[in-house]
Amino acid sequence: MRILVLAVGHARGTSEAPLIEDFVTRAQNMGRGMGIPAIAVEEISVSKARDTATRMKDEAERLAARIPEGAQVVLLDAKGKGMTSEDFAEMIGALRDAGTKHLVFVIGGPDGLGTLPKIRAGRSLAFGLQTWPHLLVRAMLTEQVYRALTILAGHPYHRV
């Protein structure tokens, strides 16, 4: 199973970029022997449209165009369901074991995430009730993917 994080906005040159890259590298190294050969982050530019609805629609269309056919999609949304790290790991493990080819996490832009055309999300995930900066969400998500893989592998990184 390949894991893809699709996000609006560019991390390059930000203070979050090295953290995101570090967790992606760790997750890639951990996942190779666990049936998860690739973990990637792809970015699209923030829409330059003037009004919010048009920006969100434009970003959603461009995100949806990058989602592989048949992928399991998880939306990062403040209104989504929270999960423990163990539940998150269980979800990833179950999808991998069920033969899922692509697991895609989608992070919207500063205005939020519009409806993805022709895409049916399987889940909506929130990192608590607070509002988080989008780059910080990306860092938190990549850390949780790495943590999930360590949980599945029985690695001591995750301690309660």
N, C-alpha and C. Protein backbone atom coordinates (compact mmCIF):
# COMPACT_ATOMS: atom_id res chain seq x y z
N MET A 1 0.85 -1.18 0.00
CA MET A 1 0.00 0.00 0.00
C MET A 1 0.89 1.24 0.00
N ARG A 2 0.54 2.18 -0.85
CA ARG A 2 1.26 3.44 -0.91
C ARG A 2 0.46 4.48 -0.13
N ILE A 3 1.16 5.30 0.64
CA ILE A 3 0.52 6.37 1.41
C ILE A 3 0.91 7.70 0.79
N LEU A 4 -0.10 8.51 0.54
CA LEU A 4 0.11 9.82 -0.06
C LEU A 4 -0.57 10.88 0.79
N VAL A 5 0.14 11.94 1.09
CA VAL A 5 -0.42 13.12 1.75
C VAL A 5 -0.53 14.19 0.68
N LEU A 6 -1.75 14.59 0.38
CA LEU A 6 -2.01 15.67 -0.59
C LEU A 6 -2.35 16.91 0.20
N ALA A 7 -1.69 18.01 -0.08
CA ALA A 7 -1.89 19.22 0.72
C ALA A 7 -1.86 20.47 -0.14
N VAL A 8 -2.63 21.46 0.31
CA VAL A 8 -2.62 22.77 -0.33
C VAL A 8 -1.55 23.61 0.36
N GLY A 9 -0.72 24.26 -0.43
CA GLY A 9 0.34 25.11 0.11
C GLY A 9 1.68 24.41 0.07
N HIS A 10 2.73 25.20 0.05
CA HIS A 10 4.08 24.66 -0.06
C HIS A 10 4.83 24.81 1.25
N ALA A 11 5.50 23.74 1.66
CA ALA A 11 6.26 23.74 2.91
C ALA A 11 7.70 24.20 2.70
N ARG A 12 8.18 24.14 1.47
CA ARG A 12 9.58 24.47 1.18
C ARG A 12 9.97 25.82 1.80
N GLY A 13 11.07 25.80 2.53
CA GLY A 13 11.57 27.03 3.11
C GLY A 13 10.93 27.42 4.44
N THR A 14 10.01 26.60 4.94
CA THR A 14 9.36 26.90 6.22
C THR A 14 10.05 26.16 7.35
N SER A 15 9.77 26.56 8.56
CA SER A 15 10.37 25.87 9.70
C SER A 15 9.79 24.46 9.88
N GLU A 16 8.60 24.20 9.32
CA GLU A 16 7.99 22.86 9.44
C GLU A 16 8.59 21.87 8.44
N ALA A 17 9.15 22.35 7.34
CA ALA A 17 9.62 21.47 6.26
C ALA A 17 10.60 20.39 6.73
N PRO A 18 11.64 20.73 7.51
CA PRO A 18 12.57 19.67 7.94
C PRO A 18 11.89 18.61 8.81
N LEU A 19 10.94 19.02 9.62
CA LEU A 19 10.22 18.08 10.48
C LEU A 19 9.38 17.12 9.63
N ILE A 20 8.67 17.68 8.66
CA ILE A 20 7.85 16.86 7.75
C ILE A 20 8.74 15.88 7.01
N GLU A 21 9.84 16.36 6.44
CA GLU A 21 10.76 15.50 5.69
C GLU A 21 11.34 14.40 6.57
N ASP A 22 11.67 14.73 7.82
CA ASP A 22 12.23 13.75 8.73
C ASP A 22 11.24 12.62 8.99
N PHE A 23 9.99 12.97 9.29
CA PHE A 23 9.00 11.92 9.57
C PHE A 23 8.65 11.12 8.33
N VAL A 24 8.64 11.74 7.16
CA VAL A 24 8.39 10.99 5.92
C VAL A 24 9.52 10.00 5.69
N THR A 25 10.76 10.42 5.87
CA THR A 25 11.91 9.53 5.69
C THR A 25 11.86 8.37 6.68
N ARG A 26 11.57 8.67 7.93
CA ARG A 26 11.47 7.61 8.94
C ARG A 26 10.37 6.62 8.57
N ALA A 27 9.21 7.16 8.16
CA ALA A 27 8.08 6.30 7.81
C ALA A 27 8.41 5.44 6.59
N GLN A 28 9.09 6.03 5.59
CA GLN A 28 9.49 5.26 4.41
C GLN A 28 10.41 4.11 4.80
N ASN A 29 11.39 4.39 5.64
CA ASN A 29 12.32 3.35 6.08
C ASN A 29 11.60 2.26 6.86
N MET A 30 10.67 2.63 7.72
CA MET A 30 9.93 1.65 8.52
C MET A 30 8.95 0.87 7.65
N GLY A 31 8.30 1.55 6.72
CA GLY A 31 7.23 0.93 5.95
C GLY A 31 7.69 -0.06 4.90
N ARG A 32 8.90 0.08 4.40
CA ARG A 32 9.38 -0.79 3.31
C ARG A 32 9.23 -2.27 3.62
N GLY A 33 9.54 -2.65 4.84
CA GLY A 33 9.45 -4.06 5.21
C GLY A 33 8.08 -4.48 5.71
N MET A 34 7.12 -3.57 5.62
CA MET A 34 5.79 -3.84 6.18
C MET A 34 4.69 -3.77 5.12
N GLY A 35 5.05 -3.85 3.86
CA GLY A 35 4.03 -3.79 2.82
C GLY A 35 3.59 -2.38 2.48
N ILE A 36 4.39 -1.40 2.87
CA ILE A 36 4.11 0.01 2.55
C ILE A 36 5.37 0.57 1.90
N PRO A 37 5.51 0.36 0.58
CA PRO A 37 6.77 0.69 -0.09
C PRO A 37 6.99 2.18 -0.35
N ALA A 38 5.93 2.99 -0.26
CA ALA A 38 6.12 4.40 -0.59
C ALA A 38 5.23 5.28 0.28
N ILE A 39 5.82 6.36 0.75
CA ILE A 39 5.10 7.39 1.49
C ILE A 39 5.56 8.71 0.91
N ALA A 40 4.61 9.51 0.46
CA ALA A 40 4.98 10.76 -0.21
C ALA A 40 4.06 11.89 0.21
N VAL A 41 4.58 13.10 0.06
CA VAL A 41 3.79 14.32 0.26
C VAL A 41 3.78 15.05 -1.07
N GLU A 42 2.60 15.36 -1.57
CA GLU A 42 2.47 16.17 -2.78
C GLU A 42 1.72 17.44 -2.42
N GLU A 43 2.16 18.53 -3.02
CA GLU A 43 1.57 19.84 -2.71
C GLU A 43 0.99 20.47 -3.97
N ILE A 44 -0.06 21.24 -3.76
CA ILE A 44 -0.57 22.10 -4.82
C ILE A 44 -0.54 23.53 -4.29
N SER A 45 -0.48 24.47 -5.18
CA SER A 45 -0.45 25.88 -4.79
C SER A 45 -1.81 26.32 -4.27
N VAL A 46 -1.79 27.28 -3.36
CA VAL A 46 -3.02 27.92 -2.89
C VAL A 46 -3.63 28.65 -4.08
N SER A 47 -4.94 28.53 -4.23
CA SER A 47 -5.63 29.18 -5.33
C SER A 47 -5.50 30.70 -5.21
N LYS A 48 -5.42 31.34 -6.36
CA LYS A 48 -5.33 32.81 -6.39
C LYS A 48 -6.69 33.45 -6.63
N ALA A 49 -7.75 32.66 -6.66
CA ALA A 49 -9.10 33.21 -6.86
C ALA A 49 -9.42 34.21 -5.75
N ARG A 50 -10.21 35.20 -6.08
CA ARG A 50 -10.50 36.28 -5.12
C ARG A 50 -11.48 35.87 -4.02
N ASP A 51 -12.50 35.12 -4.34
CA ASP A 51 -13.49 34.80 -3.30
C ASP A 51 -13.26 33.39 -2.75
N THR A 52 -13.64 33.21 -1.49
CA THR A 52 -13.38 31.98 -0.75
C THR A 52 -13.97 30.75 -1.43
N ALA A 53 -15.23 30.82 -1.84
CA ALA A 53 -15.89 29.65 -2.44
C ALA A 53 -15.16 29.20 -3.71
N THR A 54 -14.74 30.14 -4.51
CA THR A 54 -14.04 29.81 -5.75
C THR A 54 -12.66 29.22 -5.44
N ARG A 55 -11.97 29.78 -4.44
CA ARG A 55 -10.66 29.24 -4.04
C ARG A 55 -10.80 27.79 -3.59
N MET A 56 -11.77 27.55 -2.71
CA MET A 56 -11.96 26.19 -2.19
C MET A 56 -12.32 25.21 -3.30
N LYS A 57 -13.17 25.63 -4.23
CA LYS A 57 -13.58 24.77 -5.35
C LYS A 57 -12.38 24.46 -6.24
N ASP A 58 -11.59 25.46 -6.55
CA ASP A 58 -10.41 25.28 -7.40
C ASP A 58 -9.42 24.32 -6.73
N GLU A 59 -9.14 24.54 -5.46
CA GLU A 59 -8.20 23.67 -4.75
C GLU A 59 -8.72 22.24 -4.68
N ALA A 60 -10.01 22.08 -4.40
CA ALA A 60 -10.61 20.75 -4.31
C ALA A 60 -10.51 20.01 -5.65
N GLU A 61 -10.75 20.70 -6.74
CA GLU A 61 -10.66 20.08 -8.06
C GLU A 61 -9.23 19.63 -8.35
N ARG A 62 -8.26 20.47 -8.01
CA ARG A 62 -6.86 20.11 -8.27
C ARG A 62 -6.39 18.98 -7.35
N LEU A 63 -6.87 18.96 -6.11
CA LEU A 63 -6.54 17.85 -5.21
C LEU A 63 -7.15 16.55 -5.74
N ALA A 64 -8.42 16.59 -6.09
CA ALA A 64 -9.13 15.40 -6.56
C ALA A 64 -8.45 14.80 -7.79
N ALA A 65 -7.91 15.65 -8.65
CA ALA A 65 -7.24 15.18 -9.87
C ALA A 65 -5.98 14.37 -9.56
N ARG A 66 -5.43 14.52 -8.37
CA ARG A 66 -4.19 13.81 -8.01
C ARG A 66 -4.45 12.52 -7.22
N ILE A 67 -5.70 12.25 -6.90
CA ILE A 67 -6.01 11.05 -6.12
C ILE A 67 -6.10 9.86 -7.07
N PRO A 68 -5.28 8.82 -6.82
CA PRO A 68 -5.32 7.65 -7.69
C PRO A 68 -6.70 6.98 -7.65
N GLU A 69 -7.10 6.42 -8.78
CA GLU A 69 -8.39 5.73 -8.86
C GLU A 69 -8.43 4.58 -7.86
N GLY A 70 -9.54 4.46 -7.16
CA GLY A 70 -9.73 3.39 -6.20
C GLY A 70 -9.07 3.61 -4.85
N ALA A 71 -8.46 4.77 -4.64
CA ALA A 71 -7.76 5.04 -3.38
C ALA A 71 -8.74 5.16 -2.21
N GLN A 72 -8.29 4.77 -1.05
CA GLN A 72 -9.00 5.06 0.19
C GLN A 72 -8.61 6.48 0.57
N VAL A 73 -9.59 7.34 0.83
CA VAL A 73 -9.33 8.76 1.08
C VAL A 73 -9.74 9.12 2.50
N VAL A 74 -8.83 9.80 3.20
CA VAL A 74 -9.10 10.32 4.53
C VAL A 74 -8.92 11.84 4.48
N LEU A 75 -9.97 12.56 4.83
CA LEU A 75 -9.91 14.02 4.83
C LEU A 75 -9.49 14.50 6.21
N LEU A 76 -8.57 15.46 6.26
CA LEU A 76 -8.21 16.10 7.52
C LEU A 76 -9.16 17.28 7.67
N ASP A 77 -9.98 17.23 8.70
CA ASP A 77 -11.05 18.21 8.86
C ASP A 77 -11.31 18.43 10.34
N ALA A 78 -11.41 19.68 10.75
CA ALA A 78 -11.67 20.00 12.15
C ALA A 78 -12.97 19.37 12.64
N LYS A 79 -13.89 19.08 11.74
CA LYS A 79 -15.17 18.45 12.12
C LYS A 79 -15.10 16.93 12.06
N GLY A 80 -13.93 16.40 11.74
CA GLY A 80 -13.77 14.95 11.61
C GLY A 80 -13.72 14.27 12.97
N LYS A 81 -13.52 12.96 12.91
CA LYS A 81 -13.46 12.14 14.11
C LYS A 81 -12.02 12.06 14.62
N GLY A 82 -11.85 12.20 15.91
CA GLY A 82 -10.54 12.02 16.51
C GLY A 82 -10.23 10.54 16.65
N MET A 83 -8.97 10.20 16.67
CA MET A 83 -8.53 8.81 16.83
C MET A 83 -7.34 8.78 17.76
N THR A 84 -7.24 7.71 18.52
CA THR A 84 -6.00 7.49 19.27
C THR A 84 -4.93 7.05 18.27
N SER A 85 -3.69 7.11 18.68
CA SER A 85 -2.61 6.63 17.80
C SER A 85 -2.77 5.14 17.52
N GLU A 86 -3.24 4.39 18.51
CA GLU A 86 -3.45 2.96 18.32
C GLU A 86 -4.55 2.70 17.29
N ASP A 87 -5.65 3.48 17.38
CA ASP A 87 -6.74 3.33 16.41
C ASP A 87 -6.27 3.71 15.00
N PHE A 88 -5.46 4.75 14.92
CA PHE A 88 -4.92 5.19 13.63
C PHE A 88 -4.05 4.08 13.03
N ALA A 89 -3.20 3.48 13.87
CA ALA A 89 -2.35 2.37 13.42
C ALA A 89 -3.20 1.19 12.97
N GLU A 90 -4.24 0.90 13.73
CA GLU A 90 -5.14 -0.21 13.38
C GLU A 90 -5.81 0.04 12.02
N MET A 91 -6.23 1.29 11.78
CA MET A 91 -6.85 1.64 10.50
C MET A 91 -5.86 1.40 9.36
N ILE A 92 -4.64 1.90 9.51
CA ILE A 92 -3.63 1.73 8.45
C ILE A 92 -3.33 0.25 8.24
N GLY A 93 -3.16 -0.49 9.31
CA GLY A 93 -2.88 -1.92 9.20
C GLY A 93 -4.02 -2.68 8.54
N ALA A 94 -5.25 -2.36 8.90
CA ALA A 94 -6.41 -3.04 8.31
C ALA A 94 -6.53 -2.74 6.82
N LEU A 95 -6.29 -1.49 6.43
CA LEU A 95 -6.35 -1.13 5.01
C LEU A 95 -5.25 -1.85 4.23
N ARG A 96 -4.07 -1.88 4.80
CA ARG A 96 -2.95 -2.60 4.15
C ARG A 96 -3.29 -4.08 4.00
N ASP A 97 -3.78 -4.68 5.09
CA ASP A 97 -4.09 -6.11 5.08
C ASP A 97 -5.24 -6.46 4.14
N ALA A 98 -6.13 -5.49 3.89
CA ALA A 98 -7.26 -5.70 2.98
C ALA A 98 -6.85 -5.54 1.52
N GLY A 99 -5.60 -5.20 1.27
CA GLY A 99 -5.11 -5.08 -0.09
C GLY A 99 -5.29 -3.71 -0.71
N THR A 100 -5.51 -2.70 0.12
CA THR A 100 -5.64 -1.34 -0.39
C THR A 100 -4.35 -0.94 -1.08
N LYS A 101 -4.47 -0.39 -2.30
CA LYS A 101 -3.27 0.01 -3.04
C LYS A 101 -2.80 1.40 -2.68
N HIS A 102 -3.76 2.30 -2.44
CA HIS A 102 -3.41 3.70 -2.15
C HIS A 102 -4.25 4.21 -0.98
N LEU A 103 -3.58 4.79 -0.01
CA LEU A 103 -4.24 5.50 1.10
C LEU A 103 -3.82 6.96 0.96
N VAL A 104 -4.82 7.83 0.79
CA VAL A 104 -4.53 9.24 0.54
C VAL A 104 -5.14 10.09 1.65
N PHE A 105 -4.31 10.90 2.28
CA PHE A 105 -4.75 11.88 3.27
C PHE A 105 -4.79 13.23 2.57
N VAL A 106 -5.89 13.96 2.73
CA VAL A 106 -6.06 15.24 2.04
C VAL A 106 -6.18 16.36 3.06
N ILE A 107 -5.31 17.38 2.91
CA ILE A 107 -5.31 18.56 3.77
C ILE A 107 -5.64 19.76 2.91
N GLY A 108 -6.71 20.46 3.25
CA GLY A 108 -7.14 21.63 2.49
C GLY A 108 -6.26 22.84 2.74
N GLY A 109 -6.67 23.95 2.15
CA GLY A 109 -5.92 25.19 2.26
C GLY A 109 -6.37 26.05 3.42
N PRO A 110 -5.93 27.29 3.46
CA PRO A 110 -6.25 28.21 4.56
C PRO A 110 -7.76 28.44 4.74
N ASP A 111 -8.53 28.29 3.67
CA ASP A 111 -9.97 28.48 3.77
C ASP A 111 -10.71 27.20 4.11
N GLY A 112 -10.01 26.09 4.16
CA GLY A 112 -10.65 24.80 4.42
C GLY A 112 -10.60 23.93 3.19
N LEU A 113 -11.34 22.85 3.25
CA LEU A 113 -11.35 21.88 2.16
C LEU A 113 -12.72 21.83 1.55
N GLY A 114 -12.80 22.12 0.25
CA GLY A 114 -14.06 22.03 -0.47
C GLY A 114 -14.39 20.58 -0.80
N THR A 115 -15.57 20.35 -1.32
CA THR A 115 -15.99 19.02 -1.73
C THR A 115 -15.14 18.55 -2.90
N LEU A 116 -14.56 17.38 -2.77
CA LEU A 116 -13.71 16.82 -3.82
C LEU A 116 -14.60 16.18 -4.89
N PRO A 117 -14.58 16.71 -6.10
CA PRO A 117 -15.45 16.15 -7.13
C PRO A 117 -15.10 14.70 -7.46
N LYS A 118 -16.13 13.87 -7.55
CA LYS A 118 -16.01 12.45 -7.94
C LYS A 118 -15.19 11.62 -6.95
N ILE A 119 -14.95 12.14 -5.75
CA ILE A 119 -14.17 11.41 -4.75
C ILE A 119 -15.07 11.18 -3.53
N ARG A 120 -15.10 9.94 -3.09
CA ARG A 120 -15.86 9.61 -1.89
C ARG A 120 -14.86 9.28 -0.79
N ALA A 121 -14.81 10.14 0.20
CA ALA A 121 -13.88 9.91 1.31
C ALA A 121 -14.43 8.82 2.23
N GLY A 122 -13.55 7.97 2.70
CA GLY A 122 -13.96 6.91 3.61
C GLY A 122 -14.01 7.38 5.05
N ARG A 123 -13.22 8.38 5.36
CA ARG A 123 -13.14 8.88 6.73
C ARG A 123 -12.80 10.36 6.73
N SER A 124 -13.09 10.97 7.87
CA SER A 124 -12.71 12.36 8.11
C SER A 124 -12.03 12.38 9.47
N LEU A 125 -10.83 12.92 9.53
CA LEU A 125 -10.00 12.85 10.73
C LEU A 125 -9.71 14.25 11.26
N ALA A 126 -9.82 14.42 12.57
CA ALA A 126 -9.48 15.69 13.22
C ALA A 126 -8.39 15.44 14.25
N PHE A 127 -7.51 16.41 14.40
CA PHE A 127 -6.49 16.37 15.45
C PHE A 127 -6.97 17.25 16.60
N GLY A 128 -8.10 16.94 17.15
CA GLY A 128 -8.65 17.67 18.28
C GLY A 128 -9.59 18.77 17.86
N LEU A 129 -10.09 19.49 18.84
CA LEU A 129 -11.08 20.53 18.59
C LEU A 129 -10.46 21.87 18.20
N GLN A 130 -9.18 22.00 18.40
CA GLN A 130 -8.51 23.26 18.09
C GLN A 130 -8.33 23.42 16.57
N THR A 131 -8.09 24.65 16.17
CA THR A 131 -7.72 24.93 14.79
C THR A 131 -6.20 24.96 14.73
N TRP A 132 -5.62 24.22 13.77
CA TRP A 132 -4.17 24.12 13.65
C TRP A 132 -3.72 24.72 12.33
N PRO A 133 -2.54 25.34 12.31
CA PRO A 133 -1.97 25.81 11.04
C PRO A 133 -1.78 24.61 10.11
N HIS A 134 -2.02 24.80 8.82
CA HIS A 134 -1.99 23.69 7.88
C HIS A 134 -0.64 22.99 7.81
N LEU A 135 0.44 23.74 7.92
CA LEU A 135 1.76 23.10 7.88
C LEU A 135 2.01 22.29 9.15
N LEU A 136 1.48 22.74 10.26
CA LEU A 136 1.62 21.98 11.50
C LEU A 136 0.80 20.69 11.42
N VAL A 137 -0.37 20.76 10.81
CA VAL A 137 -1.18 19.55 10.60
C VAL A 137 -0.40 18.55 9.75
N ARG A 138 0.26 19.04 8.73
CA ARG A 138 1.06 18.16 7.87
C ARG A 138 2.16 17.48 8.69
N ALA A 139 2.83 18.24 9.55
CA ALA A 139 3.87 17.67 10.41
C ALA A 139 3.28 16.65 11.37
N MET A 140 2.14 16.99 11.97
CA MET A 140 1.49 16.07 12.91
C MET A 140 1.03 14.80 12.19
N LEU A 141 0.51 14.93 11.00
CA LEU A 141 0.06 13.76 10.25
C LEU A 141 1.22 12.85 9.89
N THR A 142 2.31 13.42 9.39
CA THR A 142 3.45 12.58 9.02
C THR A 142 4.05 11.90 10.25
N GLU A 143 4.03 12.58 11.40
CA GLU A 143 4.49 11.95 12.64
C GLU A 143 3.57 10.81 13.01
N GLN A 144 2.26 10.99 12.88
CA GLN A 144 1.31 9.94 13.24
C GLN A 144 1.41 8.75 12.29
N VAL A 145 1.70 8.99 11.02
CA VAL A 145 1.92 7.87 10.09
C VAL A 145 3.14 7.07 10.55
N TYR A 146 4.23 7.78 10.87
CA TYR A 146 5.42 7.09 11.36
C TYR A 146 5.11 6.34 12.65
N ARG A 147 4.43 6.99 13.57
CA ARG A 147 4.07 6.36 14.85
C ARG A 147 3.22 5.12 14.60
N ALA A 148 2.26 5.21 13.69
CA ALA A 148 1.40 4.06 13.38
C ALA A 148 2.23 2.88 12.88
N LEU A 149 3.19 3.16 12.02
CA LEU A 149 4.03 2.08 11.51
C LEU A 149 4.88 1.46 12.62
N THR A 150 5.36 2.30 13.55
CA THR A 150 6.14 1.74 14.66
C THR A 150 5.25 0.89 15.56
N ILE A 151 4.01 1.29 15.75
CA ILE A 151 3.07 0.50 16.55
C ILE A 151 2.84 -0.85 15.87
N LEU A 152 2.58 -0.83 14.57
CA LEU A 152 2.34 -2.07 13.82
C LEU A 152 3.56 -2.99 13.85
N ALA A 153 4.76 -2.39 13.89
CA ALA A 153 6.00 -3.18 13.89
C ALA A 153 6.43 -3.60 15.29
N GLY A 154 5.75 -3.11 16.31
CA GLY A 154 6.16 -3.43 17.68
C GLY A 154 7.42 -2.69 18.10
N HIS A 155 7.74 -1.61 17.43
CA HIS A 155 8.92 -0.79 17.72
C HIS A 155 8.66 0.04 18.98
N PRO A 156 9.69 0.31 19.79
CA PRO A 156 9.47 1.04 21.05
C PRO A 156 9.25 2.56 20.93
N TYR A 157 9.21 3.12 19.72
CA TYR A 157 8.98 4.58 19.59
C TYR A 157 7.72 5.02 20.31
N HIS A 158 6.65 4.25 20.16
CA HIS A 158 5.38 4.61 20.79
C HIS A 158 5.34 4.05 22.21
N ARG A 159 5.31 4.95 23.15
CA ARG A 159 5.17 4.55 24.56
C ARG A 159 3.99 5.31 25.14
N VAL A 160 3.22 4.65 25.93
CA VAL A 160 2.05 5.30 26.55
C VAL A 160 2.44 5.88 27.88
